[in-house]
Amino acid sequence: MRLTSFLLLAAIGFMPIQAAAFQDNAVKTLTEELKAHAPAKWDVRVRWRDGQLLASITPWPYQEAFQLWYDTNKLADTLTSLCPKKKPTGHAAAGLTSTS
């Protein structure tokens, strides 16, 4: 009985460590993914805020940021291009298509 109680307490004690490791991994993964698609001079910062993963992307130099801010179409296209492309699933991933 005591051993079971001890194991239960030990397992509960490690849960916050596992949750923190998951959060750190999500931050690291998203940071790497965004930096892979962002121009070299841009600053990418990812963090948890109020239970949500938040990414801040700052174009450098300021002149480029200024130009993007006032050209909303180019800004939207540029930020969209930073997002990873959706990977095909199911039949599309296998190269199968419908013949109907």
PDB file of N, CA and C in Angstrom:
ATOM      1  N   MET A   1       0.830  -1.198   0.000  1.00  0.00           N
ATOM      2  CA  MET A   1       0.000   0.000   0.000  1.00  0.00           C
ATOM      3  C   MET A   1       0.870   1.256   0.000  1.00  0.00           C
ATOM      4  N   ARG A   2       1.903   1.255   0.852  1.00  0.00           N
ATOM      5  CA  ARG A   2       2.785   2.419   0.912  1.00  0.00           C
ATOM      6  C   ARG A   2       3.550   2.591  -0.393  1.00  0.00           C
ATOM      7  N   LEU A   3       3.962   1.474  -0.983  1.00  0.00           N
ATOM      8  CA  LEU A   3       4.685   1.534  -2.242  1.00  0.00           C
ATOM      9  C   LEU A   3       3.799   2.122  -3.340  1.00  0.00           C
ATOM     10  N   THR A   4       2.541   1.702  -3.375  1.00  0.00           N
ATOM     11  CA  THR A   4       1.600   2.229  -4.362  1.00  0.00           C
ATOM     12  C   THR A   4       1.399   3.725  -4.170  1.00  0.00           C
ATOM     13  N   SER A   5       1.246   4.148  -2.933  1.00  0.00           N
ATOM     14  CA  SER A   5       1.076   5.574  -2.646  1.00  0.00           C
ATOM     15  C   SER A   5       2.303   6.365  -3.068  1.00  0.00           C
ATOM     16  N   PHE A   6       3.474   5.818  -2.783  1.00  0.00           N
ATOM     17  CA  PHE A   6       4.719   6.491  -3.158  1.00  0.00           C
ATOM     18  C   PHE A   6       4.846   6.603  -4.678  1.00  0.00           C
ATOM     19  N   LEU A   7       4.530   5.508  -5.384  1.00  0.00           N
ATOM     20  CA  LEU A   7       4.615   5.535  -6.851  1.00  0.00           C
ATOM     21  C   LEU A   7       3.614   6.524  -7.448  1.00  0.00           C
ATOM     22  N   LEU A   8       2.427   6.583  -6.864  1.00  0.00           N
ATOM     23  CA  LEU A   8       1.419   7.522  -7.332  1.00  0.00           C
ATOM     24  C   LEU A   8       1.883   8.963  -7.126  1.00  0.00           C
ATOM     25  N   LEU A   9       2.424   9.257  -5.949  1.00  0.00           N
ATOM     26  CA  LEU A   9       2.938  10.597  -5.682  1.00  0.00           C
ATOM     27  C   LEU A   9       4.115  10.935  -6.591  1.00  0.00           C
ATOM     28  N   ALA A  10       4.977   9.972  -6.849  1.00  0.00           N
ATOM     29  CA  ALA A  10       6.121  10.205  -7.736  1.00  0.00           C
ATOM     30  C   ALA A  10       5.647  10.494  -9.151  1.00  0.00           C
ATOM     31  N   ALA A  11       4.653   9.745  -9.624  1.00  0.00           N
ATOM     32  CA  ALA A  11       4.119   9.968 -10.973  1.00  0.00           C
ATOM     33  C   ALA A  11       3.477  11.345 -11.085  1.00  0.00           C
ATOM     34  N   ILE A  12       2.725  11.734 -10.080  1.00  0.00           N
ATOM     35  CA  ILE A  12       2.088  13.054 -10.084  1.00  0.00           C
ATOM     36  C   ILE A  12       3.148  14.153 -10.036  1.00  0.00           C
ATOM     37  N   GLY A  13       4.215  13.905  -9.318  1.00  0.00           N
ATOM     38  CA  GLY A  13       5.296  14.883  -9.227  1.00  0.00           C
ATOM     39  C   GLY A  13       6.002  15.115 -10.553  1.00  0.00           C
ATOM     40  N   PHE A  14       6.070  14.100 -11.401  1.00  0.00           N
ATOM     41  CA  PHE A  14       6.752  14.236 -12.693  1.00  0.00           C
ATOM     42  C   PHE A  14       5.862  14.829 -13.781  1.00  0.00           C
ATOM     43  N   MET A  15       4.563  14.909 -13.582  1.00  0.00           N
ATOM     44  CA  MET A  15       3.659  15.431 -14.607  1.00  0.00           C
ATOM     45  C   MET A  15       3.977  16.873 -15.006  1.00  0.00           C
ATOM     46  N   PRO A  16       4.253  17.780 -14.074  1.00  0.00           N
ATOM     47  CA  PRO A  16       4.592  19.140 -14.496  1.00  0.00           C
ATOM     48  C   PRO A  16       5.874  19.194 -15.336  1.00  0.00           C
ATOM     49  N   ILE A  17       6.815  18.314 -15.048  1.00  0.00           N
ATOM     50  CA  ILE A  17       8.054  18.278 -15.831  1.00  0.00           C
ATOM     51  C   ILE A  17       7.745  17.861 -17.261  1.00  0.00           C
ATOM     52  N   GLN A  18       6.868  16.859 -17.429  1.00  0.00           N
ATOM     53  CA  GLN A  18       6.494  16.407 -18.765  1.00  0.00           C
ATOM     54  C   GLN A  18       5.740  17.502 -19.513  1.00  0.00           C
ATOM     55  N   ALA A  19       4.846  18.209 -18.841  1.00  0.00           N
ATOM     56  CA  ALA A  19       4.104  19.292 -19.482  1.00  0.00           C
ATOM     57  C   ALA A  19       5.041  20.407 -19.907  1.00  0.00           C
ATOM     58  N   ALA A  20       6.010  20.733 -19.063  1.00  0.00           N
ATOM     59  CA  ALA A  20       6.984  21.775 -19.402  1.00  0.00           C
ATOM     60  C   ALA A  20       7.831  21.340 -20.588  1.00  0.00           C
ATOM     61  N   ALA A  21       8.202  20.062 -20.642  1.00  0.00           N
ATOM     62  CA  ALA A  21       8.990  19.554 -21.768  1.00  0.00           C
ATOM     63  C   ALA A  21       8.189  19.642 -23.056  1.00  0.00           C
ATOM     64  N   PHE A  22       6.892  19.328 -23.004  1.00  0.00           N
ATOM     65  CA  PHE A  22       6.040  19.443 -24.185  1.00  0.00           C
ATOM     66  C   PHE A  22       5.965  20.893 -24.654  1.00  0.00           C
ATOM     67  N   GLN A  23       5.797  21.824 -23.722  1.00  0.00           N
ATOM     68  CA  GLN A  23       5.707  23.228 -24.088  1.00  0.00           C
ATOM     69  C   GLN A  23       7.011  23.722 -24.695  1.00  0.00           C
ATOM     70  N   ASP A  24       8.141  23.333 -24.111  1.00  0.00           N
ATOM     71  CA  ASP A  24       9.432  23.733 -24.659  1.00  0.00           C
ATOM     72  C   ASP A  24       9.624  23.166 -26.057  1.00  0.00           C
ATOM     73  N   ASN A  25       9.187  21.915 -26.275  1.00  0.00           N
ATOM     74  CA  ASN A  25       9.327  21.291 -27.579  1.00  0.00           C
ATOM     75  C   ASN A  25       8.460  22.015 -28.613  1.00  0.00           C
ATOM     76  N   ALA A  26       7.254  22.427 -28.238  1.00  0.00           N
ATOM     77  CA  ALA A  26       6.373  23.149 -29.165  1.00  0.00           C
ATOM     78  C   ALA A  26       6.992  24.486 -29.547  1.00  0.00           C
ATOM     79  N   VAL A  27       7.564  25.185 -28.584  1.00  0.00           N
ATOM     80  CA  VAL A  27       8.216  26.473 -28.857  1.00  0.00           C
ATOM     81  C   VAL A  27       9.400  26.266 -29.791  1.00  0.00           C
ATOM     82  N   LYS A  28      10.219  25.264 -29.495  1.00  0.00           N
ATOM     83  CA  LYS A  28      11.401  24.988 -30.310  1.00  0.00           C
ATOM     84  C   LYS A  28      11.006  24.598 -31.733  1.00  0.00           C
ATOM     85  N   THR A  29      10.019  23.725 -31.860  1.00  0.00           N
ATOM     86  CA  THR A  29       9.591  23.252 -33.171  1.00  0.00           C
ATOM     87  C   THR A  29       9.038  24.389 -34.025  1.00  0.00           C
ATOM     88  N   LEU A  30       8.149  25.210 -33.456  1.00  0.00           N
ATOM     89  CA  LEU A  30       7.576  26.314 -34.228  1.00  0.00           C
ATOM     90  C   LEU A  30       8.643  27.357 -34.572  1.00  0.00           C
ATOM     91  N   THR A  31       9.539  27.635 -33.649  1.00  0.00           N
ATOM     92  CA  THR A  31      10.619  28.589 -33.920  1.00  0.00           C
ATOM     93  C   THR A  31      11.464  28.116 -35.102  1.00  0.00           C
ATOM     94  N   GLU A  32      11.853  26.846 -35.089  1.00  0.00           N
ATOM     95  CA  GLU A  32      12.666  26.298 -36.182  1.00  0.00           C
ATOM     96  C   GLU A  32      11.916  26.340 -37.505  1.00  0.00           C
ATOM     97  N   GLU A  33      10.627  26.010 -37.477  1.00  0.00           N
ATOM     98  CA  GLU A  33       9.824  25.994 -38.700  1.00  0.00           C
ATOM     99  C   GLU A  33       9.688  27.401 -39.293  1.00  0.00           C
ATOM    100  N   LEU A  34       9.416  28.383 -38.442  1.00  0.00           N
ATOM    101  CA  LEU A  34       9.276  29.752 -38.932  1.00  0.00           C
ATOM    102  C   LEU A  34      10.606  30.318 -39.432  1.00  0.00           C
ATOM    103  N   LYS A  35      11.690  30.056 -38.698  1.00  0.00           N
ATOM    104  CA  LYS A  35      13.002  30.555 -39.115  1.00  0.00           C
ATOM    105  C   LYS A  35      13.446  29.932 -40.436  1.00  0.00           C
ATOM    106  N   ALA A  36      13.009  28.705 -40.699  1.00  0.00           N
ATOM    107  CA  ALA A  36      13.367  28.039 -41.953  1.00  0.00           C
ATOM    108  C   ALA A  36      12.738  28.734 -43.161  1.00  0.00           C
ATOM    109  N   HIS A  37      11.608  29.402 -42.950  1.00  0.00           N
ATOM    110  CA  HIS A  37      10.911  30.059 -44.052  1.00  0.00           C
ATOM    111  C   HIS A  37      11.087  31.575 -44.065  1.00  0.00           C
ATOM    112  N   ALA A  38      11.552  32.147 -42.977  1.00  0.00           N
ATOM    113  CA  ALA A  38      11.699  33.608 -42.876  1.00  0.00           C
ATOM    114  C   ALA A  38      13.035  34.052 -43.486  1.00  0.00           C
ATOM    115  N   PRO A  39      13.080  35.282 -44.006  1.00  0.00           N
ATOM    116  CA  PRO A  39      14.359  35.824 -44.466  1.00  0.00           C
ATOM    117  C   PRO A  39      15.381  35.832 -43.323  1.00  0.00           C
ATOM    118  N   ALA A  40      16.647  35.699 -43.671  1.00  0.00           N
ATOM    119  CA  ALA A  40      17.724  35.530 -42.679  1.00  0.00           C
ATOM    120  C   ALA A  40      17.782  36.654 -41.643  1.00  0.00           C
ATOM    121  N   LYS A  41      17.518  37.886 -42.038  1.00  0.00           N
ATOM    122  CA  LYS A  41      17.657  39.014 -41.110  1.00  0.00           C
ATOM    123  C   LYS A  41      16.455  39.189 -40.180  1.00  0.00           C
ATOM    124  N   TRP A  42      15.370  38.491 -40.441  1.00  0.00           N
ATOM    125  CA  TRP A  42      14.165  38.686 -39.641  1.00  0.00           C
ATOM    126  C   TRP A  42      14.311  38.028 -38.271  1.00  0.00           C
ATOM    127  N   ASP A  43      13.659  38.636 -37.278  1.00  0.00           N
ATOM    128  CA  ASP A  43      13.667  38.121 -35.916  1.00  0.00           C
ATOM    129  C   ASP A  43      12.380  37.325 -35.694  1.00  0.00           C
ATOM    130  N   VAL A  44      12.515  36.086 -35.211  1.00  0.00           N
ATOM    131  CA  VAL A  44      11.366  35.231 -34.913  1.00  0.00           C
ATOM    132  C   VAL A  44      11.434  34.867 -33.436  1.00  0.00           C
ATOM    133  N   ARG A  45      10.353  35.121 -32.721  1.00  0.00           N
ATOM    134  CA  ARG A  45      10.293  34.794 -31.290  1.00  0.00           C
ATOM    135  C   ARG A  45       8.981  34.069 -31.020  1.00  0.00           C
ATOM    136  N   VAL A  46       9.070  32.898 -30.408  1.00  0.00           N
ATOM    137  CA  VAL A  46       7.890  32.097 -30.093  1.00  0.00           C
ATOM    138  C   VAL A  46       7.856  31.863 -28.592  1.00  0.00           C
ATOM    139  N   ARG A  47       6.674  31.990 -28.002  1.00  0.00           N
ATOM    140  CA  ARG A  47       6.534  31.803 -26.560  1.00  0.00           C
ATOM    141  C   ARG A  47       5.078  31.448 -26.244  1.00  0.00           C
ATOM    142  N   TRP A  48       4.875  30.959 -25.031  1.00  0.00           N
ATOM    143  CA  TRP A  48       3.517  30.688 -24.542  1.00  0.00           C
ATOM    144  C   TRP A  48       2.989  31.936 -23.870  1.00  0.00           C
ATOM    145  N   ARG A  49       1.734  32.280 -24.167  1.00  0.00           N
ATOM    146  CA  ARG A  49       1.086  33.418 -23.509  1.00  0.00           C
ATOM    147  C   ARG A  49      -0.385  33.076 -23.305  1.00  0.00           C
ATOM    148  N   ASP A  50      -0.809  33.093 -22.067  1.00  0.00           N
ATOM    149  CA  ASP A  50      -2.194  32.787 -21.696  1.00  0.00           C
ATOM    150  C   ASP A  50      -2.652  31.453 -22.278  1.00  0.00           C
ATOM    151  N   GLY A  51      -1.776  30.446 -22.228  1.00  0.00           N
ATOM    152  CA  GLY A  51      -2.135  29.117 -22.692  1.00  0.00           C
ATOM    153  C   GLY A  51      -2.112  28.938 -24.195  1.00  0.00           C
ATOM    154  N   GLN A  52      -1.661  29.945 -24.931  1.00  0.00           N
ATOM    155  CA  GLN A  52      -1.616  29.878 -26.394  1.00  0.00           C
ATOM    156  C   GLN A  52      -0.182  30.090 -26.871  1.00  0.00           C
ATOM    157  N   LEU A  53       0.154  29.455 -27.956  1.00  0.00           N
ATOM    158  CA  LEU A  53       1.472  29.627 -28.556  1.00  0.00           C
ATOM    159  C   LEU A  53       1.431  30.889 -29.413  1.00  0.00           C
ATOM    160  N   LEU A  54       2.321  31.829 -29.115  1.00  0.00           N
ATOM    161  CA  LEU A  54       2.334  33.123 -29.797  1.00  0.00           C
ATOM    162  C   LEU A  54       3.666  33.310 -30.509  1.00  0.00           C
ATOM    163  N   ALA A  55       3.603  33.673 -31.786  1.00  0.00           N
ATOM    164  CA  ALA A  55       4.820  33.927 -32.564  1.00  0.00           C
ATOM    165  C   ALA A  55       4.864  35.406 -32.936  1.00  0.00           C
ATOM    166  N   SER A  56       5.991  36.039 -32.665  1.00  0.00           N
ATOM    167  CA  SER A  56       6.225  37.422 -33.076  1.00  0.00           C
ATOM    168  C   SER A  56       7.297  37.407 -34.156  1.00  0.00           C
ATOM    169  N   ILE A  57       6.987  38.025 -35.279  1.00  0.00           N
ATOM    170  CA  ILE A  57       7.908  38.046 -36.414  1.00  0.00           C
ATOM    171  C   ILE A  57       8.190  39.501 -36.747  1.00  0.00           C
ATOM    172  N   THR A  58       9.463  39.879 -36.697  1.00  0.00           N
ATOM    173  CA  THR A  58       9.856  41.261 -36.950  1.00  0.00           C
ATOM    174  C   THR A  58      10.772  41.339 -38.159  1.00  0.00           C
ATOM    175  N   PRO A  59      10.316  42.007 -39.221  1.00  0.00           N
ATOM    176  CA  PRO A  59      11.184  42.181 -40.387  1.00  0.00           C
ATOM    177  C   PRO A  59      12.308  43.169 -40.083  1.00  0.00           C
ATOM    178  N   TRP A  60      13.511  42.860 -40.544  1.00  0.00           N
ATOM    179  CA  TRP A  60      14.653  43.758 -40.446  1.00  0.00           C
ATOM    180  C   TRP A  60      15.206  43.968 -41.831  1.00  0.00           C
ATOM    181  N   PRO A  61      15.698  45.048 -42.191  1.00  0.00           N
ATOM    182  CA  PRO A  61      15.776  46.313 -41.461  1.00  0.00           C
ATOM    183  C   PRO A  61      14.414  47.006 -41.415  1.00  0.00           C
ATOM    184  N   TYR A  62      14.361  48.089 -40.667  1.00  0.00           N
ATOM    185  CA  TYR A  62      13.096  48.797 -40.470  1.00  0.00           C
ATOM    186  C   TYR A  62      12.468  49.265 -41.773  1.00  0.00           C
ATOM    187  N   GLN A  63      13.268  49.595 -42.758  1.00  0.00           N
ATOM    188  CA  GLN A  63      12.721  50.064 -44.040  1.00  0.00           C
ATOM    189  C   GLN A  63      11.845  48.977 -44.671  1.00  0.00           C
ATOM    190  N   GLU A  64      12.297  47.743 -44.592  1.00  0.00           N
ATOM    191  CA  GLU A  64      11.506  46.633 -45.134  1.00  0.00           C
ATOM    192  C   GLU A  64      10.209  46.468 -44.354  1.00  0.00           C
ATOM    193  N   ALA A  65      10.281  46.577 -43.034  1.00  0.00           N
ATOM    194  CA  ALA A  65       9.077  46.487 -42.203  1.00  0.00           C
ATOM    195  C   ALA A  65       8.106  47.608 -42.540  1.00  0.00           C
ATOM    196  N   PHE A  66       8.626  48.800 -42.733  1.00  0.00           N
ATOM    197  CA  PHE A  66       7.801  49.959 -43.068  1.00  0.00           C
ATOM    198  C   PHE A  66       7.090  49.735 -44.402  1.00  0.00           C
ATOM    199  N   GLN A  67       7.814  49.228 -45.391  1.00  0.00           N
ATOM    200  CA  GLN A  67       7.218  48.990 -46.709  1.00  0.00           C
ATOM    201  C   GLN A  67       6.139  47.916 -46.648  1.00  0.00           C
ATOM    202  N   LEU A  68       6.381  46.868 -45.881  1.00  0.00           N
ATOM    203  CA  LEU A  68       5.368  45.819 -45.743  1.00  0.00           C
ATOM    204  C   LEU A  68       4.121  46.336 -45.028  1.00  0.00           C
ATOM    205  N   TRP A  69       4.316  47.147 -44.012  1.00  0.00           N
ATOM    206  CA  TRP A  69       3.184  47.654 -43.231  1.00  0.00           C
ATOM    207  C   TRP A  69       2.215  48.446 -44.105  1.00  0.00           C
ATOM    208  N   TYR A  70       2.742  49.182 -45.059  1.00  0.00           N
ATOM    209  CA  TYR A  70       1.891  50.021 -45.890  1.00  0.00           C
ATOM    210  C   TYR A  70       1.472  49.358 -47.201  1.00  0.00           C
ATOM    211  N   ASP A  71       1.898  48.135 -47.449  1.00  0.00           N
ATOM    212  CA  ASP A  71       1.447  47.358 -48.605  1.00  0.00           C
ATOM    213  C   ASP A  71       0.817  46.079 -48.049  1.00  0.00           C
ATOM    214  N   THR A  72      -0.465  46.174 -47.683  1.00  0.00           N
ATOM    215  CA  THR A  72      -1.112  45.076 -46.956  1.00  0.00           C
ATOM    216  C   THR A  72      -1.177  43.787 -47.766  1.00  0.00           C
ATOM    217  N   ASN A  73      -1.310  43.879 -49.076  1.00  0.00           N
ATOM    218  CA  ASN A  73      -1.337  42.656 -49.891  1.00  0.00           C
ATOM    219  C   ASN A  73       0.007  41.936 -49.810  1.00  0.00           C
ATOM    220  N   LYS A  74       1.094  42.702 -49.931  1.00  0.00           N
ATOM    221  CA  LYS A  74       2.429  42.107 -49.853  1.00  0.00           C
ATOM    222  C   LYS A  74       2.684  41.562 -48.446  1.00  0.00           C
ATOM    223  N   LEU A  75       2.208  42.272 -47.427  1.00  0.00           N
ATOM    224  CA  LEU A  75       2.366  41.807 -46.040  1.00  0.00           C
ATOM    225  C   LEU A  75       1.660  40.468 -45.843  1.00  0.00           C
ATOM    226  N   ALA A  76       0.416  40.367 -46.312  1.00  0.00           N
ATOM    227  CA  ALA A  76      -0.344  39.121 -46.170  1.00  0.00           C
ATOM    228  C   ALA A  76       0.335  37.980 -46.922  1.00  0.00           C
ATOM    229  N   ASP A  77       0.790  38.236 -48.141  1.00  0.00           N
ATOM    230  CA  ASP A  77       1.484  37.206 -48.924  1.00  0.00           C
ATOM    231  C   ASP A  77       2.774  36.767 -48.246  1.00  0.00           C
ATOM    232  N   THR A  78       3.525  37.725 -47.727  1.00  0.00           N
ATOM    233  CA  THR A  78       4.804  37.425 -47.077  1.00  0.00           C
ATOM    234  C   THR A  78       4.591  36.577 -45.829  1.00  0.00           C
ATOM    235  N   LEU A  79       3.638  36.955 -44.993  1.00  0.00           N
ATOM    236  CA  LEU A  79       3.385  36.201 -43.765  1.00  0.00           C
ATOM    237  C   LEU A  79       2.792  34.826 -44.061  1.00  0.00           C
ATOM    238  N   THR A  80       1.953  34.730 -45.084  1.00  0.00           N
ATOM    239  CA  THR A  80       1.387  33.439 -45.469  1.00  0.00           C
ATOM    240  C   THR A  80       2.483  32.497 -45.953  1.00  0.00           C
ATOM    241  N   SER A  81       3.472  33.040 -46.643  1.00  0.00           N
ATOM    242  CA  SER A  81       4.560  32.193 -47.152  1.00  0.00           C
ATOM    243  C   SER A  81       5.431  31.635 -46.023  1.00  0.00           C
ATOM    244  N   LEU A  82       5.365  32.225 -44.836  1.00  0.00           N
ATOM    245  CA  LEU A  82       6.119  31.709 -43.694  1.00  0.00           C
ATOM    246  C   LEU A  82       5.487  30.445 -43.118  1.00  0.00           C
ATOM    247  N   CYS A  83       4.197  30.264 -43.351  1.00  0.00           N
ATOM    248  CA  CYS A  83       3.481  29.120 -42.786  1.00  0.00           C
ATOM    249  C   CYS A  83       3.865  27.842 -43.523  1.00  0.00           C
ATOM    250  N   PRO A  84       4.034  26.756 -42.772  1.00  0.00           N
ATOM    251  CA  PRO A  84       4.345  25.490 -43.432  1.00  0.00           C
ATOM    252  C   PRO A  84       3.174  25.057 -44.313  1.00  0.00           C
ATOM    253  N   LYS A  85       3.486  24.429 -45.421  1.00  0.00           N
ATOM    254  CA  LYS A  85       2.448  23.941 -46.329  1.00  0.00           C
ATOM    255  C   LYS A  85       1.798  22.708 -45.727  1.00  0.00           C
ATOM    256  N   LYS A  86       0.495  22.574 -45.947  1.00  0.00           N
ATOM    257  CA  LYS A  86      -0.238  21.432 -45.427  1.00  0.00           C
ATOM    258  C   LYS A  86       0.166  20.191 -46.210  1.00  0.00           C
ATOM    259  N   LYS A  87       0.508  19.147 -45.489  1.00  0.00           N
ATOM    260  CA  LYS A  87       0.921  17.901 -46.122  1.00  0.00           C
ATOM    261  C   LYS A  87      -0.312  17.111 -46.546  1.00  0.00           C
ATOM    262  N   PRO A  88      -0.270  16.519 -47.731  1.00  0.00           N
ATOM    263  CA  PRO A  88      -1.422  15.719 -48.177  1.00  0.00           C
ATOM    264  C   PRO A  88      -1.597  14.483 -47.298  1.00  0.00           C
ATOM    265  N   THR A  89      -2.838  14.060 -47.148  1.00  0.00           N
ATOM    266  CA  THR A  89      -3.134  12.885 -46.350  1.00  0.00           C
ATOM    267  C   THR A  89      -4.004  11.923 -47.159  1.00  0.00           C
ATOM    268  N   GLY A  90      -4.115  10.727 -46.712  1.00  0.00           N
ATOM    269  CA  GLY A  90      -4.996   9.748 -47.328  1.00  0.00           C
ATOM    270  C   GLY A  90      -4.613   9.418 -48.749  1.00  0.00           C
ATOM    271  N   HIS A  91      -5.617   9.438 -49.651  1.00  0.00           N
ATOM    272  CA  HIS A  91      -5.411   9.067 -51.047  1.00  0.00           C
ATOM    273  C   HIS A  91      -4.449  10.020 -51.754  1.00  0.00           C
ATOM    274  N   ALA A  92      -4.528  11.298 -51.425  1.00  0.00           N
ATOM    275  CA  ALA A  92      -3.642  12.275 -52.073  1.00  0.00           C
ATOM    276  C   ALA A  92      -2.177  11.987 -51.735  1.00  0.00           C
ATOM    277  N   ALA A  93      -1.892  11.573 -50.508  1.00  0.00           N
ATOM    278  CA  ALA A  93      -0.518  11.267 -50.096  1.00  0.00           C
ATOM    279  C   ALA A  93      -0.018  10.012 -50.804  1.00  0.00           C
ATOM    280  N   ALA A  94      -0.923   9.085 -51.100  1.00  0.00           N
ATOM    281  CA  ALA A  94      -0.532   7.846 -51.766  1.00  0.00           C
ATOM    282  C   ALA A  94      -0.477   7.990 -53.284  1.00  0.00           C
ATOM    283  N   GLY A  95      -0.881   9.176 -53.782  1.00  0.00           N
ATOM    284  CA  GLY A  95      -0.873   9.404 -55.226  1.00  0.00           C
ATOM    285  C   GLY A  95      -2.084   8.858 -55.933  1.00  0.00           C
ATOM    286  N   LEU A  96      -3.099   8.487 -55.162  1.00  0.00           N
ATOM    287  CA  LEU A  96      -4.331   7.958 -55.748  1.00  0.00           C
ATOM    288  C   LEU A  96      -5.326   9.077 -55.930  1.00  0.00           C
ATOM    289  N   THR A  97      -6.034   9.072 -57.022  1.00  0.00           N
ATOM    290  CA  THR A  97      -7.056  10.086 -57.258  1.00  0.00           C
ATOM    291  C   THR A  97      -8.367   9.410 -57.615  1.00  0.00           C
ATOM    292  N   SER A  98      -9.431  10.149 -57.461  1.00  0.00           N
ATOM    293  CA  SER A  98     -10.762   9.639 -57.795  1.00  0.00           C
ATOM    294  C   SER A  98     -10.946   9.661 -59.298  1.00  0.00           C
ATOM    295  N   THR A  99     -11.585   8.635 -59.862  1.00  0.00           N
ATOM    296  CA  THR A  99     -11.815   8.561 -61.295  1.00  0.00           C
ATOM    297  C   THR A  99     -13.264   8.826 -61.642  1.00  0.00           C
ATOM    298  N   SER A 100     -14.027   9.400 -60.773  1.00  0.00           N
ATOM    299  CA  SER A 100     -15.435   9.637 -61.055  1.00  0.00           C
ATOM    300  C   SER A 100     -15.665  10.917 -61.802  1.00  0.00           C
TER     301      SER A 100
END
